Every structure is written in C-alpha cells, then in structure tokens.
Amino acid sequence: MKRSRMEIIFEIMKNVDAGVSTKTRLMYASNLDWRSFSKYISFLEEEGFVVCTNDSYRLTDKGKLLLQKMKEVAEILSSQVAPKI
C-alpha cells in the first residue's frame, strides 16, 4: 500500500522525535529511498519543522507542535469505527 505525503512526513518527524538523527539512519527508519528522503527532509527544513546541526536532525518548536497535532489527528482517525453500510 502506498503511503500518502502526510504519512511519510509524519513518519520522518516521529523518527526525528524518537532520536533517530543522522540522514542515513533517518532514511532507513522512515523506509524511504535517498531521492524521496532528500525531497521530504528539504521540505521539512525549508518550512522550519526540523533543523540540522552537526549532521544531526532535531525538531524545532514549530515541528514539535505539528507532530503533536498530527498525533492527535491519527488518534482520532484510528478510534473511529467504520460506518456500517
């Protein structure tokens, strides 16, 4: 099953928050190839959600807030019962 853009971003951010910080480890933990990973990590850096210092990624305050909101949405969606037809 193909993941959506939001699911991939959520996965990368969860991994950064969990302490996976180097490019290679983050790429593998997020189950991405190098080209896809580069695209997503560049987006997250440009938007100010993650920052890279000394070849190590970490979430910014803005990134922590986004991750918290994404977790809340995921929790709400996973707790919903599928409608019966």
PDB file of N, CA and C in Angstrom:
ATOM      1  N   MET A   1       0.841  -1.175   0.000  1.00  0.00           N
ATOM      2  CA  MET A   1       0.000   0.000   0.000  1.00  0.00           C
ATOM      3  C   MET A   1       0.896   1.252   0.000  1.00  0.00           C
ATOM      4  N   LYS A   2       0.585   2.162  -0.848  1.00  0.00           N
ATOM      5  CA  LYS A   2       1.370   3.377  -0.985  1.00  0.00           C
ATOM      6  C   LYS A   2       0.997   4.377   0.111  1.00  0.00           C
ATOM      7  N   ARG A   3       2.024   4.993   0.729  1.00  0.00           N
ATOM      8  CA  ARG A   3       1.779   5.973   1.787  1.00  0.00           C
ATOM      9  C   ARG A   3       1.524   7.352   1.187  1.00  0.00           C
ATOM     10  N   SER A   4       0.698   8.125   1.876  1.00  0.00           N
ATOM     11  CA  SER A   4       0.443   9.495   1.443  1.00  0.00           C
ATOM     12  C   SER A   4       1.609  10.393   1.865  1.00  0.00           C
ATOM     13  N   ARG A   5       1.632  11.572   1.303  1.00  0.00           N
ATOM     14  CA  ARG A   5       2.672  12.551   1.647  1.00  0.00           C
ATOM     15  C   ARG A   5       2.644  12.847   3.148  1.00  0.00           C
ATOM     16  N   MET A   6       1.437  12.991   3.693  1.00  0.00           N
ATOM     17  CA  MET A   6       1.312  13.300   5.113  1.00  0.00           C
ATOM     18  C   MET A   6       1.807  12.140   5.975  1.00  0.00           C
ATOM     19  N   GLU A   7       1.544  10.916   5.575  1.00  0.00           N
ATOM     20  CA  GLU A   7       2.017   9.763   6.336  1.00  0.00           C
ATOM     21  C   GLU A   7       3.540   9.695   6.343  1.00  0.00           C
ATOM     22  N   ILE A   8       4.163  10.013   5.215  1.00  0.00           N
ATOM     23  CA  ILE A   8       5.623   9.992   5.138  1.00  0.00           C
ATOM     24  C   ILE A   8       6.219  11.080   6.016  1.00  0.00           C
ATOM     25  N   ILE A   9       5.656  12.280   5.953  1.00  0.00           N
ATOM     26  CA  ILE A   9       6.135  13.383   6.786  1.00  0.00           C
ATOM     27  C   ILE A   9       5.964  13.038   8.263  1.00  0.00           C
ATOM     28  N   PHE A  10       4.826  12.456   8.608  1.00  0.00           N
ATOM     29  CA  PHE A  10       4.555  12.050   9.987  1.00  0.00           C
ATOM     30  C   PHE A  10       5.598  11.028  10.448  1.00  0.00           C
ATOM     31  N   GLU A  11       5.913  10.069   9.595  1.00  0.00           N
ATOM     32  CA  GLU A  11       6.893   9.033   9.934  1.00  0.00           C
ATOM     33  C   GLU A  11       8.280   9.636  10.160  1.00  0.00           C
ATOM     34  N   ILE A  12       8.706  10.523   9.274  1.00  0.00           N
ATOM     35  CA  ILE A  12      10.012  11.170   9.433  1.00  0.00           C
ATOM     36  C   ILE A  12      10.056  11.947  10.738  1.00  0.00           C
ATOM     37  N   MET A  13       9.021  12.718  11.007  1.00  0.00           N
ATOM     38  CA  MET A  13       9.006  13.540  12.220  1.00  0.00           C
ATOM     39  C   MET A  13       8.978  12.685  13.481  1.00  0.00           C
ATOM     40  N   LYS A  14       8.239  11.575  13.459  1.00  0.00           N
ATOM     41  CA  LYS A  14       8.230  10.670  14.613  1.00  0.00           C
ATOM     42  C   LYS A  14       9.621  10.103  14.850  1.00  0.00           C
ATOM     43  N   ASN A  15      10.309   9.750  13.771  1.00  0.00           N
ATOM     44  CA  ASN A  15      11.654   9.197  13.907  1.00  0.00           C
ATOM     45  C   ASN A  15      12.639  10.237  14.438  1.00  0.00           C
ATOM     46  N   VAL A  16      12.539  11.466  13.969  1.00  0.00           N
ATOM     47  CA  VAL A  16      13.412  12.531  14.492  1.00  0.00           C
ATOM     48  C   VAL A  16      13.134  12.724  15.978  1.00  0.00           C
ATOM     49  N   ASP A  17      11.860  12.748  16.349  1.00  0.00           N
ATOM     50  CA  ASP A  17      11.478  12.936  17.753  1.00  0.00           C
ATOM     51  C   ASP A  17      11.964  11.770  18.620  1.00  0.00           C
ATOM     52  N   ALA A  18      12.027  10.578  18.046  1.00  0.00           N
ATOM     53  CA  ALA A  18      12.460   9.389  18.790  1.00  0.00           C
ATOM     54  C   ALA A  18      13.978   9.312  18.934  1.00  0.00           C
ATOM     55  N   GLY A  19      14.689  10.244  18.313  1.00  0.00           N
ATOM     56  CA  GLY A  19      16.135  10.275  18.477  1.00  0.00           C
ATOM     57  C   GLY A  19      16.930   9.771  17.290  1.00  0.00           C
ATOM     58  N   VAL A  20      16.251   9.352  16.233  1.00  0.00           N
ATOM     59  CA  VAL A  20      16.955   8.962  15.011  1.00  0.00           C
ATOM     60  C   VAL A  20      17.366  10.266  14.349  1.00  0.00           C
ATOM     61  N   SER A  21      18.673  10.526  14.260  1.00  0.00           N
ATOM     62  CA  SER A  21      19.060  11.879  13.879  1.00  0.00           C
ATOM     63  C   SER A  21      19.938  12.006  12.647  1.00  0.00           C
ATOM     64  N   THR A  22      20.668  10.977  12.271  1.00  0.00           N
ATOM     65  CA  THR A  22      21.526  11.120  11.098  1.00  0.00           C
ATOM     66  C   THR A  22      20.744  10.817   9.829  1.00  0.00           C
ATOM     67  N   LYS A  23      21.206  11.359   8.711  1.00  0.00           N
ATOM     68  CA  LYS A  23      20.490  11.214   7.442  1.00  0.00           C
ATOM     69  C   LYS A  23      20.238   9.751   7.079  1.00  0.00           C
ATOM     70  N   THR A  24      21.276   8.957   7.114  1.00  0.00           N
ATOM     71  CA  THR A  24      21.142   7.565   6.679  1.00  0.00           C
ATOM     72  C   THR A  24      20.200   6.786   7.582  1.00  0.00           C
ATOM     73  N   ARG A  25      20.375   6.909   8.876  1.00  0.00           N
ATOM     74  CA  ARG A  25      19.508   6.176   9.807  1.00  0.00           C
ATOM     75  C   ARG A  25      18.055   6.648   9.708  1.00  0.00           C
ATOM     76  N   LEU A  26      17.880   7.938   9.531  1.00  0.00           N
ATOM     77  CA  LEU A  26      16.539   8.508   9.388  1.00  0.00           C
ATOM     78  C   LEU A  26      15.883   8.020   8.099  1.00  0.00           C
ATOM     79  N   MET A  27      16.650   7.952   7.034  1.00  0.00           N
ATOM     80  CA  MET A  27      16.145   7.472   5.750  1.00  0.00           C
ATOM     81  C   MET A  27      15.675   6.017   5.883  1.00  0.00           C
ATOM     82  N   TYR A  28      16.500   5.159   6.482  1.00  0.00           N
ATOM     83  CA  TYR A  28      16.128   3.756   6.640  1.00  0.00           C
ATOM     84  C   TYR A  28      14.969   3.580   7.612  1.00  0.00           C
ATOM     85  N   ALA A  29      14.977   4.309   8.703  1.00  0.00           N
ATOM     86  CA  ALA A  29      13.900   4.195   9.687  1.00  0.00           C
ATOM     87  C   ALA A  29      12.561   4.625   9.107  1.00  0.00           C
ATOM     88  N   SER A  30      12.602   5.564   8.161  1.00  0.00           N
ATOM     89  CA  SER A  30      11.388   6.053   7.526  1.00  0.00           C
ATOM     90  C   SER A  30      11.015   5.245   6.287  1.00  0.00           C
ATOM     91  N   ASN A  31      11.838   4.246   5.959  1.00  0.00           N
ATOM     92  CA  ASN A  31      11.602   3.352   4.833  1.00  0.00           C
ATOM     93  C   ASN A  31      11.475   4.117   3.508  1.00  0.00           C
ATOM     94  N   LEU A  32      12.480   4.955   3.232  1.00  0.00           N
ATOM     95  CA  LEU A  32      12.497   5.761   2.012  1.00  0.00           C
ATOM     96  C   LEU A  32      13.788   5.550   1.240  1.00  0.00           C
ATOM     97  N   ASP A  33      13.729   5.766  -0.075  1.00  0.00           N
ATOM     98  CA  ASP A  33      14.960   5.787  -0.852  1.00  0.00           C
ATOM     99  C   ASP A  33      15.572   7.181  -0.717  1.00  0.00           C
ATOM    100  N   TRP A  34      16.819   7.324  -1.182  1.00  0.00           N
ATOM    101  CA  TRP A  34      17.549   8.575  -0.972  1.00  0.00           C
ATOM    102  C   TRP A  34      16.859   9.766  -1.631  1.00  0.00           C
ATOM    103  N   ARG A  35      16.369   9.591  -2.859  1.00  0.00           N
ATOM    104  CA  ARG A  35      15.725  10.694  -3.580  1.00  0.00           C
ATOM    105  C   ARG A  35      14.476  11.189  -2.841  1.00  0.00           C
ATOM    106  N   SER A  36      13.631  10.267  -2.429  1.00  0.00           N
ATOM    107  CA  SER A  36      12.411  10.649  -1.698  1.00  0.00           C
ATOM    108  C   SER A  36      12.748  11.293  -0.363  1.00  0.00           C
ATOM    109  N   PHE A  37      13.694  10.677   0.352  1.00  0.00           N
ATOM    110  CA  PHE A  37      14.078  11.230   1.644  1.00  0.00           C
ATOM    111  C   PHE A  37      14.597  12.656   1.497  1.00  0.00           C
ATOM    112  N   SER A  38      15.438  12.892   0.514  1.00  0.00           N
ATOM    113  CA  SER A  38      16.005  14.228   0.300  1.00  0.00           C
ATOM    114  C   SER A  38      14.920  15.253   0.044  1.00  0.00           C
ATOM    115  N   LYS A  39      13.916  14.869  -0.747  1.00  0.00           N
ATOM    116  CA  LYS A  39      12.806  15.767  -1.050  1.00  0.00           C
ATOM    117  C   LYS A  39      12.028  16.135   0.222  1.00  0.00           C
ATOM    118  N   TYR A  40      11.694  15.133   1.023  1.00  0.00           N
ATOM    119  CA  TYR A  40      10.895  15.371   2.225  1.00  0.00           C
ATOM    120  C   TYR A  40      11.680  16.111   3.306  1.00  0.00           C
ATOM    121  N   ILE A  41      12.938  15.748   3.513  1.00  0.00           N
ATOM    122  CA  ILE A  41      13.711  16.408   4.570  1.00  0.00           C
ATOM    123  C   ILE A  41      13.986  17.855   4.187  1.00  0.00           C
ATOM    124  N   SER A  42      14.179  18.118   2.894  1.00  0.00           N
ATOM    125  CA  SER A  42      14.369  19.501   2.438  1.00  0.00           C
ATOM    126  C   SER A  42      13.114  20.323   2.693  1.00  0.00           C
ATOM    127  N   PHE A  43      11.961  19.742   2.403  1.00  0.00           N
ATOM    128  CA  PHE A  43      10.690  20.421   2.671  1.00  0.00           C
ATOM    129  C   PHE A  43      10.557  20.748   4.160  1.00  0.00           C
ATOM    130  N   LEU A  44      10.838  19.763   5.012  1.00  0.00           N
ATOM    131  CA  LEU A  44      10.699  19.975   6.454  1.00  0.00           C
ATOM    132  C   LEU A  44      11.663  21.047   6.963  1.00  0.00           C
ATOM    133  N   GLU A  45      12.864  21.095   6.404  1.00  0.00           N
ATOM    134  CA  GLU A  45      13.831  22.131   6.789  1.00  0.00           C
ATOM    135  C   GLU A  45      13.392  23.504   6.294  1.00  0.00           C
ATOM    136  N   GLU A  46      12.959  23.591   5.046  1.00  0.00           N
ATOM    137  CA  GLU A  46      12.538  24.872   4.477  1.00  0.00           C
ATOM    138  C   GLU A  46      11.348  25.470   5.210  1.00  0.00           C
ATOM    139  N   GLU A  47      10.447  24.612   5.666  1.00  0.00           N
ATOM    140  CA  GLU A  47       9.258  25.082   6.382  1.00  0.00           C
ATOM    141  C   GLU A  47       9.520  25.325   7.870  1.00  0.00           C
ATOM    142  N   GLY A  48      10.716  24.984   8.335  1.00  0.00           N
ATOM    143  CA  GLY A  48      11.083  25.254   9.716  1.00  0.00           C
ATOM    144  C   GLY A  48      10.598  24.231  10.724  1.00  0.00           C
ATOM    145  N   PHE A  49      10.328  22.999  10.275  1.00  0.00           N
ATOM    146  CA  PHE A  49       9.873  21.952  11.188  1.00  0.00           C
ATOM    147  C   PHE A  49      11.040  21.151  11.779  1.00  0.00           C
ATOM    148  N   VAL A  50      12.115  21.033  11.016  1.00  0.00           N
ATOM    149  CA  VAL A  50      13.321  20.367  11.512  1.00  0.00           C
ATOM    150  C   VAL A  50      14.522  21.238  11.202  1.00  0.00           C
ATOM    151  N   VAL A  51      15.576  21.035  11.978  1.00  0.00           N
ATOM    152  CA  VAL A  51      16.825  21.752  11.750  1.00  0.00           C
ATOM    153  C   VAL A  51      17.957  20.740  11.843  1.00  0.00           C
ATOM    154  N   CYS A  52      18.976  20.936  11.016  1.00  0.00           N
ATOM    155  CA  CYS A  52      20.128  20.043  11.014  1.00  0.00           C
ATOM    156  C   CYS A  52      21.342  20.809  11.530  1.00  0.00           C
ATOM    157  N   THR A  53      21.933  20.306  12.602  1.00  0.00           N
ATOM    158  CA  THR A  53      23.161  20.879  13.136  1.00  0.00           C
ATOM    159  C   THR A  53      24.148  19.750  13.358  1.00  0.00           C
ATOM    160  N   ASN A  54      25.360  19.947  12.880  1.00  0.00           N
ATOM    161  CA  ASN A  54      26.409  18.920  13.008  1.00  0.00           C
ATOM    162  C   ASN A  54      25.947  17.568  12.465  1.00  0.00           C
ATOM    163  N   ASP A  55      25.299  17.572  11.297  1.00  0.00           N
ATOM    164  CA  ASP A  55      24.795  16.357  10.647  1.00  0.00           C
ATOM    165  C   ASP A  55      23.814  15.572  11.502  1.00  0.00           C
ATOM    166  N   SER A  56      23.083  16.271  12.361  1.00  0.00           N
ATOM    167  CA  SER A  56      22.093  15.644  13.222  1.00  0.00           C
ATOM    168  C   SER A  56      20.800  16.454  13.161  1.00  0.00           C
ATOM    169  N   TYR A  57      19.674  15.774  12.939  1.00  0.00           N
ATOM    170  CA  TYR A  57      18.384  16.450  12.829  1.00  0.00           C
ATOM    171  C   TYR A  57      17.676  16.485  14.171  1.00  0.00           C
ATOM    172  N   ARG A  58      16.937  17.570  14.371  1.00  0.00           N
ATOM    173  CA  ARG A  58      16.069  17.667  15.554  1.00  0.00           C
ATOM    174  C   ARG A  58      14.851  18.506  15.180  1.00  0.00           C
ATOM    175  N   LEU A  59      13.766  18.315  15.923  1.00  0.00           N
ATOM    176  CA  LEU A  59      12.549  19.082  15.685  1.00  0.00           C
ATOM    177  C   LEU A  59      12.682  20.478  16.272  1.00  0.00           C
ATOM    178  N   THR A  60      12.143  21.459  15.573  1.00  0.00           N
ATOM    179  CA  THR A  60      12.047  22.806  16.117  1.00  0.00           C
ATOM    180  C   THR A  60      10.773  22.870  16.967  1.00  0.00           C
ATOM    181  N   ASP A  61      10.538  23.981  17.624  1.00  0.00           N
ATOM    182  CA  ASP A  61       9.295  24.139  18.386  1.00  0.00           C
ATOM    183  C   ASP A  61       8.089  24.023  17.454  1.00  0.00           C
ATOM    184  N   LYS A  62       8.217  24.598  16.277  1.00  0.00           N
ATOM    185  CA  LYS A  62       7.154  24.518  15.265  1.00  0.00           C
ATOM    186  C   LYS A  62       6.947  23.062  14.849  1.00  0.00           C
ATOM    187  N   GLY A  63       8.014  22.311  14.704  1.00  0.00           N
ATOM    188  CA  GLY A  63       7.933  20.895  14.352  1.00  0.00           C
ATOM    189  C   GLY A  63       7.294  20.066  15.450  1.00  0.00           C
ATOM    190  N   LYS A  64       7.628  20.371  16.698  1.00  0.00           N
ATOM    191  CA  LYS A  64       7.036  19.651  17.831  1.00  0.00           C
ATOM    192  C   LYS A  64       5.533  19.884  17.887  1.00  0.00           C
ATOM    193  N   LEU A  65       5.107  21.113  17.619  1.00  0.00           N
ATOM    194  CA  LEU A  65       3.682  21.437  17.612  1.00  0.00           C
ATOM    195  C   LEU A  65       2.971  20.682  16.485  1.00  0.00           C
ATOM    196  N   LEU A  66       3.580  20.675  15.287  1.00  0.00           N
ATOM    197  CA  LEU A  66       2.984  19.953  14.169  1.00  0.00           C
ATOM    198  C   LEU A  66       2.887  18.464  14.480  1.00  0.00           C
ATOM    199  N   LEU A  67       3.932  17.884  15.026  1.00  0.00           N
ATOM    200  CA  LEU A  67       3.914  16.458  15.359  1.00  0.00           C
ATOM    201  C   LEU A  67       2.825  16.156  16.377  1.00  0.00           C
ATOM    202  N   GLN A  68       2.671  16.998  17.361  1.00  0.00           N
ATOM    203  CA  GLN A  68       1.620  16.806  18.368  1.00  0.00           C
ATOM    204  C   GLN A  68       0.243  16.813  17.707  1.00  0.00           C
ATOM    205  N   LYS A  69       0.009  17.770  16.812  1.00  0.00           N
ATOM    206  CA  LYS A  69      -1.280  17.863  16.120  1.00  0.00           C
ATOM    207  C   LYS A  69      -1.511  16.654  15.217  1.00  0.00           C
ATOM    208  N   MET A  70      -0.466  16.197  14.555  1.00  0.00           N
ATOM    209  CA  MET A  70      -0.590  15.026  13.684  1.00  0.00           C
ATOM    210  C   MET A  70      -0.908  13.777  14.497  1.00  0.00           C
ATOM    211  N   LYS A  71      -0.308  13.654  15.682  1.00  0.00           N
ATOM    212  CA  LYS A  71      -0.607  12.518  16.558  1.00  0.00           C
ATOM    213  C   LYS A  71      -2.054  12.554  17.013  1.00  0.00           C
ATOM    214  N   GLU A  72      -2.563  13.752  17.323  1.00  0.00           N
ATOM    215  CA  GLU A  72      -3.955  13.894  17.740  1.00  0.00           C
ATOM    216  C   GLU A  72      -4.900  13.479  16.624  1.00  0.00           C
ATOM    217  N   VAL A  73      -4.617  13.902  15.412  1.00  0.00           N
ATOM    218  CA  VAL A  73      -5.453  13.534  14.268  1.00  0.00           C
ATOM    219  C   VAL A  73      -5.397  12.031  14.038  1.00  0.00           C
ATOM    220  N   ALA A  74      -4.208  11.445  14.090  1.00  0.00           N
ATOM    221  CA  ALA A  74      -4.059   9.997  13.893  1.00  0.00           C
ATOM    222  C   ALA A  74      -4.834   9.228  14.953  1.00  0.00           C
ATOM    223  N   GLU A  75      -4.805   9.712  16.180  1.00  0.00           N
ATOM    224  CA  GLU A  75      -5.525   9.049  17.270  1.00  0.00           C
ATOM    225  C   GLU A  75      -7.032   9.119  17.038  1.00  0.00           C
ATOM    226  N   ILE A  76      -7.521  10.279  16.624  1.00  0.00           N
ATOM    227  CA  ILE A  76      -8.949  10.437  16.352  1.00  0.00           C
ATOM    228  C   ILE A  76      -9.377   9.514  15.220  1.00  0.00           C
ATOM    229  N   LEU A  77      -8.601   9.494  14.148  1.00  0.00           N
ATOM    230  CA  LEU A  77      -8.958   8.668  12.997  1.00  0.00           C
ATOM    231  C   LEU A  77      -8.898   7.184  13.311  1.00  0.00           C
ATOM    232  N   SER A  78      -7.949   6.776  14.135  1.00  0.00           N
ATOM    233  CA  SER A  78      -7.832   5.352  14.447  1.00  0.00           C
ATOM    234  C   SER A  78      -8.903   4.894  15.433  1.00  0.00           C
ATOM    235  N   SER A  79      -9.483   5.816  16.178  1.00  0.00           N
ATOM    236  CA  SER A  79     -10.510   5.433  17.151  1.00  0.00           C
ATOM    237  C   SER A  79     -11.908   5.416  16.540  1.00  0.00           C
ATOM    238  N   GLN A  80     -12.045   5.920  15.336  1.00  0.00           N
ATOM    239  CA  GLN A  80     -13.351   5.943  14.675  1.00  0.00           C
ATOM    240  C   GLN A  80     -13.689   4.566  14.147  1.00  0.00           C
ATOM    241  N   VAL A  81     -14.931   4.173  14.353  1.00  0.00           N
ATOM    242  CA  VAL A  81     -15.411   2.895  13.847  1.00  0.00           C
ATOM    243  C   VAL A  81     -15.922   3.121  12.418  1.00  0.00           C
ATOM    244  N   ALA A  82     -15.570   2.223  11.543  1.00  0.00           N
ATOM    245  CA  ALA A  82     -16.010   2.333  10.152  1.00  0.00           C
ATOM    246  C   ALA A  82     -17.539   2.264  10.094  1.00  0.00           C
ATOM    247  N   PRO A  83     -18.144   3.157   9.317  1.00  0.00           N
ATOM    248  CA  PRO A  83     -19.613   3.141   9.229  1.00  0.00           C
ATOM    249  C   PRO A  83     -20.111   1.851   8.579  1.00  0.00           C
ATOM    250  N   LYS A  84     -21.226   1.362   9.055  1.00  0.00           N
ATOM    251  CA  LYS A  84     -21.804   0.150   8.510  1.00  0.00           C
ATOM    252  C   LYS A  84     -22.762   0.528   7.377  1.00  0.00           C
ATOM    253  N   ILE A  85     -22.606  -0.178   6.275  1.00  0.00           N
ATOM    254  CA  ILE A  85     -23.442   0.128   5.115  1.00  0.00           C
ATOM    255  C   ILE A  85     -24.464  -0.971   4.933  1.00  0.00           C
TER     256      ILE A  85
END
